[in-house]
N, C-alpha and C. Protein backbone atom coordinates (compact mmCIF):
# COMPACT_ATOMS: atom_id res chain seq x y z
N MET A 1 0.84 -1.18 0.00
CA MET A 1 0.00 0.00 0.00
C MET A 1 0.89 1.24 0.00
N GLY A 2 0.51 2.23 -0.73
CA GLY A 2 1.28 3.46 -0.81
C GLY A 2 0.76 4.52 0.13
N VAL A 3 1.54 5.59 0.24
CA VAL A 3 1.17 6.73 1.08
C VAL A 3 1.29 8.00 0.25
N SER A 4 0.52 9.02 0.59
CA SER A 4 0.60 10.28 -0.14
C SER A 4 1.69 11.18 0.42
N SER A 5 2.15 10.89 1.65
CA SER A 5 3.19 11.71 2.26
C SER A 5 4.03 10.84 3.20
N TYR A 6 5.36 11.09 3.18
CA TYR A 6 6.25 10.32 4.05
C TYR A 6 7.50 11.14 4.31
N GLN A 7 7.78 11.40 5.57
CA GLN A 7 8.98 12.12 6.01
C GLN A 7 9.24 13.39 5.19
N GLY A 8 8.19 14.16 4.95
CA GLY A 8 8.33 15.44 4.27
C GLY A 8 8.23 15.38 2.75
N ILE A 9 8.11 14.19 2.19
CA ILE A 9 7.94 14.04 0.74
C ILE A 9 6.47 13.73 0.49
N SER A 10 5.84 14.47 -0.43
CA SER A 10 4.42 14.21 -0.70
C SER A 10 4.16 14.24 -2.20
N ILE A 11 3.07 13.57 -2.60
CA ILE A 11 2.64 13.56 -3.99
C ILE A 11 1.16 13.91 -4.03
N LYS A 12 0.79 14.68 -5.04
CA LYS A 12 -0.61 15.09 -5.18
C LYS A 12 -0.94 15.17 -6.66
N GLU A 13 -2.12 14.69 -7.01
CA GLU A 13 -2.59 14.76 -8.38
C GLU A 13 -2.92 16.22 -8.72
N GLU A 14 -2.69 16.60 -9.99
CA GLU A 14 -2.99 17.96 -10.41
C GLU A 14 -4.50 18.22 -10.36
N LYS A 15 -5.29 17.23 -10.76
CA LYS A 15 -6.75 17.30 -10.71
C LYS A 15 -7.26 16.01 -10.08
N ILE A 16 -8.41 16.09 -9.46
CA ILE A 16 -9.01 14.89 -8.88
C ILE A 16 -9.73 14.09 -9.96
N VAL A 17 -10.37 14.79 -10.91
CA VAL A 17 -11.12 14.13 -11.98
C VAL A 17 -10.59 14.60 -13.33
N TYR A 18 -10.33 13.64 -14.20
CA TYR A 18 -9.88 13.91 -15.57
C TYR A 18 -10.93 13.38 -16.54
N PRO A 19 -11.07 14.02 -17.71
CA PRO A 19 -11.99 13.48 -18.72
C PRO A 19 -11.51 12.12 -19.24
N LEU A 20 -12.45 11.30 -19.68
CA LEU A 20 -12.11 9.96 -20.20
C LEU A 20 -11.10 10.00 -21.34
N ASN A 21 -11.12 11.05 -22.13
CA ASN A 21 -10.21 11.12 -23.28
C ASN A 21 -8.84 11.72 -22.94
N SER A 22 -8.52 11.85 -21.67
CA SER A 22 -7.23 12.41 -21.26
C SER A 22 -6.09 11.55 -21.78
N THR A 23 -5.00 12.20 -22.17
CA THR A 23 -3.84 11.47 -22.66
C THR A 23 -2.67 11.51 -21.67
N GLU A 24 -2.79 12.38 -20.65
CA GLU A 24 -1.74 12.43 -19.63
C GLU A 24 -2.32 12.89 -18.30
N ILE A 25 -1.64 12.49 -17.25
CA ILE A 25 -2.01 12.88 -15.89
C ILE A 25 -0.76 13.49 -15.26
N LYS A 26 -0.94 14.60 -14.53
CA LYS A 26 0.20 15.26 -13.89
C LYS A 26 0.09 15.18 -12.38
N PHE A 27 1.24 15.02 -11.77
CA PHE A 27 1.35 14.94 -10.32
C PHE A 27 2.43 15.92 -9.85
N THR A 28 2.25 16.44 -8.66
CA THR A 28 3.25 17.32 -8.05
C THR A 28 3.89 16.58 -6.89
N ILE A 29 5.21 16.52 -6.90
CA ILE A 29 5.97 15.95 -5.78
C ILE A 29 6.59 17.12 -5.04
N THR A 30 6.33 17.21 -3.74
CA THR A 30 6.82 18.31 -2.92
C THR A 30 7.79 17.78 -1.88
N ASN A 31 8.87 18.52 -1.68
CA ASN A 31 9.94 18.10 -0.77
C ASN A 31 10.03 19.06 0.42
N HIS A 32 9.74 18.55 1.60
CA HIS A 32 9.97 19.26 2.86
C HIS A 32 10.73 18.34 3.81
N SER A 33 11.68 17.60 3.25
CA SER A 33 12.41 16.59 4.03
C SER A 33 13.67 17.14 4.71
N GLY A 34 14.07 18.36 4.33
CA GLY A 34 15.29 18.92 4.90
C GLY A 34 16.52 18.71 4.04
N LYS A 35 16.37 17.96 2.95
CA LYS A 35 17.49 17.74 2.04
C LYS A 35 16.95 17.46 0.64
N GLU A 36 17.85 17.38 -0.33
CA GLU A 36 17.42 17.12 -1.70
C GLU A 36 16.77 15.74 -1.80
N PHE A 37 15.70 15.66 -2.60
CA PHE A 37 15.03 14.39 -2.87
C PHE A 37 15.16 14.11 -4.35
N ARG A 38 15.56 12.90 -4.68
CA ARG A 38 15.71 12.50 -6.08
C ARG A 38 14.64 11.48 -6.42
N TYR A 39 14.06 11.66 -7.60
CA TYR A 39 13.02 10.73 -8.05
C TYR A 39 13.16 10.48 -9.53
N GLY A 40 12.60 9.39 -9.96
CA GLY A 40 12.68 9.01 -11.37
C GLY A 40 11.31 8.74 -11.95
N GLU A 41 11.28 7.85 -12.92
CA GLU A 41 10.02 7.54 -13.61
C GLU A 41 9.61 6.09 -13.41
N ARG A 42 9.86 5.56 -12.22
CA ARG A 42 9.44 4.20 -11.91
C ARG A 42 8.06 4.27 -11.26
N PHE A 43 7.03 3.91 -11.99
CA PHE A 43 5.68 4.00 -11.47
C PHE A 43 4.81 2.90 -12.05
N PHE A 44 3.65 2.74 -11.45
CA PHE A 44 2.62 1.86 -12.00
C PHE A 44 1.26 2.38 -11.54
N MET A 45 0.19 1.91 -12.18
CA MET A 45 -1.16 2.33 -11.82
C MET A 45 -2.03 1.11 -11.57
N THR A 46 -3.04 1.30 -10.73
CA THR A 46 -4.01 0.25 -10.44
C THR A 46 -5.42 0.82 -10.59
N THR A 47 -6.38 -0.07 -10.74
CA THR A 47 -7.80 0.28 -10.74
C THR A 47 -8.59 -0.96 -10.34
N HIS A 48 -9.88 -0.79 -10.17
CA HIS A 48 -10.75 -1.92 -9.85
C HIS A 48 -11.30 -2.53 -11.13
N GLY A 49 -11.27 -3.84 -11.20
CA GLY A 49 -11.79 -4.55 -12.35
C GLY A 49 -13.30 -4.73 -12.26
N ASP A 50 -13.86 -5.41 -13.23
CA ASP A 50 -15.30 -5.68 -13.25
C ASP A 50 -15.74 -6.47 -12.03
N ASP A 51 -14.82 -7.25 -11.44
CA ASP A 51 -15.14 -8.04 -10.26
C ASP A 51 -14.89 -7.28 -8.96
N SER A 52 -14.57 -5.97 -9.06
CA SER A 52 -14.31 -5.07 -7.93
C SER A 52 -12.96 -5.30 -7.26
N ASN A 53 -12.17 -6.26 -7.74
CA ASN A 53 -10.84 -6.47 -7.20
C ASN A 53 -9.86 -5.48 -7.80
N LEU A 54 -8.91 -5.04 -7.00
CA LEU A 54 -7.88 -4.11 -7.45
C LEU A 54 -6.85 -4.86 -8.27
N PHE A 55 -6.47 -4.31 -9.43
CA PHE A 55 -5.43 -4.96 -10.22
C PHE A 55 -4.49 -3.91 -10.81
N ARG A 56 -3.28 -4.35 -11.09
CA ARG A 56 -2.26 -3.50 -11.67
C ARG A 56 -2.47 -3.42 -13.18
N LEU A 57 -2.48 -2.20 -13.70
CA LEU A 57 -2.69 -2.00 -15.13
C LEU A 57 -1.43 -2.35 -15.91
N PRO A 58 -1.60 -2.94 -17.07
CA PRO A 58 -0.43 -3.16 -17.92
C PRO A 58 0.10 -1.81 -18.38
N SER A 59 1.37 -1.77 -18.73
CA SER A 59 1.96 -0.51 -19.19
C SER A 59 2.75 -0.75 -20.46
N GLU A 60 3.06 0.34 -21.13
CA GLU A 60 3.90 0.25 -22.32
C GLU A 60 5.28 -0.26 -21.89
N ASP A 61 5.96 -0.96 -22.77
CA ASP A 61 7.28 -1.50 -22.45
C ASP A 61 8.38 -0.48 -22.70
N VAL A 62 8.17 0.71 -22.18
CA VAL A 62 9.16 1.78 -22.33
C VAL A 62 9.59 2.19 -20.94
N PHE A 63 10.90 2.22 -20.70
CA PHE A 63 11.42 2.62 -19.40
C PHE A 63 12.46 3.70 -19.61
N HIS A 64 12.27 4.83 -18.96
CA HIS A 64 13.22 5.93 -19.04
C HIS A 64 14.01 5.96 -17.74
N ASN A 65 15.31 5.79 -17.83
CA ASN A 65 16.15 5.79 -16.66
C ASN A 65 16.70 7.20 -16.43
N VAL A 66 15.85 8.05 -15.86
CA VAL A 66 16.22 9.43 -15.58
C VAL A 66 16.01 9.70 -14.10
N VAL A 67 16.74 10.68 -13.59
CA VAL A 67 16.60 11.08 -12.20
C VAL A 67 16.43 12.58 -12.15
N TYR A 68 15.44 13.01 -11.38
CA TYR A 68 15.18 14.43 -11.16
C TYR A 68 15.49 14.74 -9.70
N GLY A 69 15.91 15.96 -9.43
CA GLY A 69 16.19 16.38 -8.07
C GLY A 69 15.30 17.54 -7.66
N ILE A 70 14.83 17.49 -6.42
CA ILE A 70 14.03 18.58 -5.87
C ILE A 70 14.70 19.02 -4.57
N GLU A 71 15.08 20.27 -4.50
CA GLU A 71 15.67 20.81 -3.27
C GLU A 71 14.60 20.92 -2.19
N ASP A 72 15.02 20.97 -0.95
CA ASP A 72 14.11 21.14 0.17
C ASP A 72 13.27 22.41 -0.02
N GLY A 73 11.97 22.30 0.18
CA GLY A 73 11.07 23.43 0.05
C GLY A 73 10.57 23.66 -1.37
N GLU A 74 10.97 22.81 -2.30
CA GLU A 74 10.56 22.97 -3.69
C GLU A 74 9.67 21.81 -4.13
N SER A 75 9.08 21.98 -5.32
CA SER A 75 8.21 20.95 -5.90
C SER A 75 8.64 20.65 -7.32
N GLY A 76 8.28 19.48 -7.78
CA GLY A 76 8.54 19.07 -9.16
C GLY A 76 7.30 18.42 -9.73
N THR A 77 7.22 18.39 -11.04
CA THR A 77 6.07 17.81 -11.72
C THR A 77 6.46 16.50 -12.38
N LEU A 78 5.58 15.53 -12.26
CA LEU A 78 5.75 14.24 -12.90
C LEU A 78 4.53 14.02 -13.79
N THR A 79 4.77 13.75 -15.06
CA THR A 79 3.69 13.53 -16.01
C THR A 79 3.73 12.10 -16.51
N THR A 80 2.59 11.44 -16.47
CA THR A 80 2.49 10.09 -17.02
C THR A 80 1.50 10.10 -18.17
N LEU A 81 1.82 9.35 -19.21
CA LEU A 81 0.95 9.26 -20.37
C LEU A 81 -0.05 8.13 -20.16
N LEU A 82 -1.26 8.35 -20.63
CA LEU A 82 -2.28 7.30 -20.62
C LEU A 82 -2.37 6.75 -22.03
N PHE A 83 -1.87 5.56 -22.23
CA PHE A 83 -1.82 4.96 -23.55
C PHE A 83 -3.14 4.26 -23.86
N PRO A 84 -3.87 4.71 -24.88
CA PRO A 84 -5.16 4.09 -25.18
C PRO A 84 -5.06 2.61 -25.54
N THR A 85 -3.91 2.16 -26.05
CA THR A 85 -3.78 0.74 -26.40
C THR A 85 -3.63 -0.13 -25.16
N VAL A 86 -3.24 0.49 -24.05
CA VAL A 86 -3.03 -0.25 -22.81
C VAL A 86 -4.17 0.01 -21.83
N LEU A 87 -4.47 1.26 -21.62
CA LEU A 87 -5.53 1.68 -20.71
C LEU A 87 -6.75 2.01 -21.55
N LEU A 88 -7.80 1.29 -21.37
CA LEU A 88 -8.96 1.43 -22.24
C LEU A 88 -9.86 2.62 -21.86
N HIS A 89 -9.37 3.47 -21.00
CA HIS A 89 -10.09 4.69 -20.61
C HIS A 89 -11.50 4.40 -20.12
N LYS A 90 -11.59 3.55 -19.14
CA LYS A 90 -12.87 3.26 -18.51
C LYS A 90 -13.06 4.22 -17.34
N SER A 91 -14.32 4.62 -17.12
CA SER A 91 -14.62 5.44 -15.95
C SER A 91 -14.25 4.68 -14.69
N GLY A 92 -13.73 5.39 -13.72
CA GLY A 92 -13.40 4.75 -12.46
C GLY A 92 -12.32 5.48 -11.71
N THR A 93 -11.97 4.93 -10.57
CA THR A 93 -10.92 5.48 -9.71
C THR A 93 -9.62 4.74 -10.00
N TYR A 94 -8.57 5.50 -10.13
CA TYR A 94 -7.25 4.96 -10.43
C TYR A 94 -6.27 5.40 -9.35
N ARG A 95 -5.30 4.55 -9.09
CA ARG A 95 -4.23 4.90 -8.15
C ARG A 95 -2.91 4.88 -8.90
N PHE A 96 -2.14 5.93 -8.68
CA PHE A 96 -0.81 6.08 -9.27
C PHE A 96 0.20 5.84 -8.16
N PHE A 97 1.16 4.95 -8.39
CA PHE A 97 2.19 4.63 -7.41
C PHE A 97 3.56 5.00 -7.97
N GLN A 98 4.31 5.77 -7.23
CA GLN A 98 5.66 6.19 -7.59
C GLN A 98 6.64 5.48 -6.67
N GLU A 99 7.50 4.65 -7.24
CA GLU A 99 8.46 3.87 -6.45
C GLU A 99 9.78 4.62 -6.31
N GLU A 100 10.20 4.87 -5.08
CA GLU A 100 11.45 5.59 -4.82
C GLU A 100 12.15 5.01 -3.60
N THR A 101 13.32 5.55 -3.32
CA THR A 101 14.08 5.21 -2.12
C THR A 101 14.35 6.49 -1.35
N LEU A 102 14.11 6.46 -0.05
CA LEU A 102 14.35 7.61 0.82
C LEU A 102 15.10 7.14 2.05
N ASN A 103 16.28 7.69 2.26
CA ASN A 103 17.12 7.31 3.39
C ASN A 103 17.35 5.81 3.46
N GLY A 104 17.52 5.19 2.29
CA GLY A 104 17.78 3.76 2.23
C GLY A 104 16.55 2.89 2.35
N ASN A 105 15.38 3.49 2.50
CA ASN A 105 14.13 2.74 2.63
C ASN A 105 13.33 2.84 1.35
N ASN A 106 12.69 1.74 0.97
CA ASN A 106 11.80 1.77 -0.19
C ASN A 106 10.58 2.60 0.16
N LEU A 107 10.17 3.44 -0.78
CA LEU A 107 9.05 4.35 -0.58
C LEU A 107 8.08 4.19 -1.74
N LEU A 108 6.81 4.04 -1.44
CA LEU A 108 5.79 3.91 -2.46
C LEU A 108 4.78 5.05 -2.27
N LEU A 109 5.01 6.15 -3.02
CA LEU A 109 4.09 7.28 -2.96
C LEU A 109 2.86 6.97 -3.79
N MET A 110 1.69 7.42 -3.33
CA MET A 110 0.44 7.11 -4.03
C MET A 110 -0.43 8.34 -4.15
N ALA A 111 -1.02 8.50 -5.32
CA ALA A 111 -2.01 9.55 -5.57
C ALA A 111 -3.21 8.91 -6.27
N THR A 112 -4.40 9.44 -6.02
CA THR A 112 -5.62 8.87 -6.58
C THR A 112 -6.29 9.89 -7.50
N PHE A 113 -6.82 9.41 -8.61
CA PHE A 113 -7.57 10.28 -9.53
C PHE A 113 -8.69 9.47 -10.16
N GLU A 114 -9.62 10.17 -10.78
CA GLU A 114 -10.73 9.51 -11.46
C GLU A 114 -10.74 9.87 -12.93
N LEU A 115 -11.20 8.94 -13.73
CA LEU A 115 -11.51 9.20 -15.13
C LEU A 115 -13.03 9.17 -15.26
N LYS A 116 -13.60 10.23 -15.80
CA LYS A 116 -15.07 10.30 -15.99
C LYS A 116 -15.38 10.86 -17.35
C-alpha cells in the first residue's frame, strides 16, 4: 500500500477528476524533508476490475532511466501518459504509485484520480 506523504515528501494529483479522453495525468511531488530528494520515472497504476478487485494495469514497455532532483522546500512535476492501447479509458478510480528510495528505505508514494 502506498502513502501520499512520508517524512516530508508528498505527492498530489494535479486534478481529482480527468476526462475519459485524457492522454496524460500530472502529479506534483513536494519536498519538505530537509534535504534534496531524487526521483525518477518508476511508477505503476491500479484500478478496480469488473469483479471489484484491485489490479495493476499493464503498461507500455518503455522505461526511461532518468533522475530528477528537488531541493528542500521545492516541488517538481511528474507527467504520465495514458496509452489508449493499454488503458482502455474506462470510468473509475485509479491509483498512481511512484516507487522511490528515501534514506535507504523503499518508498511507495500514491495519488488517486478519477476518469469520468
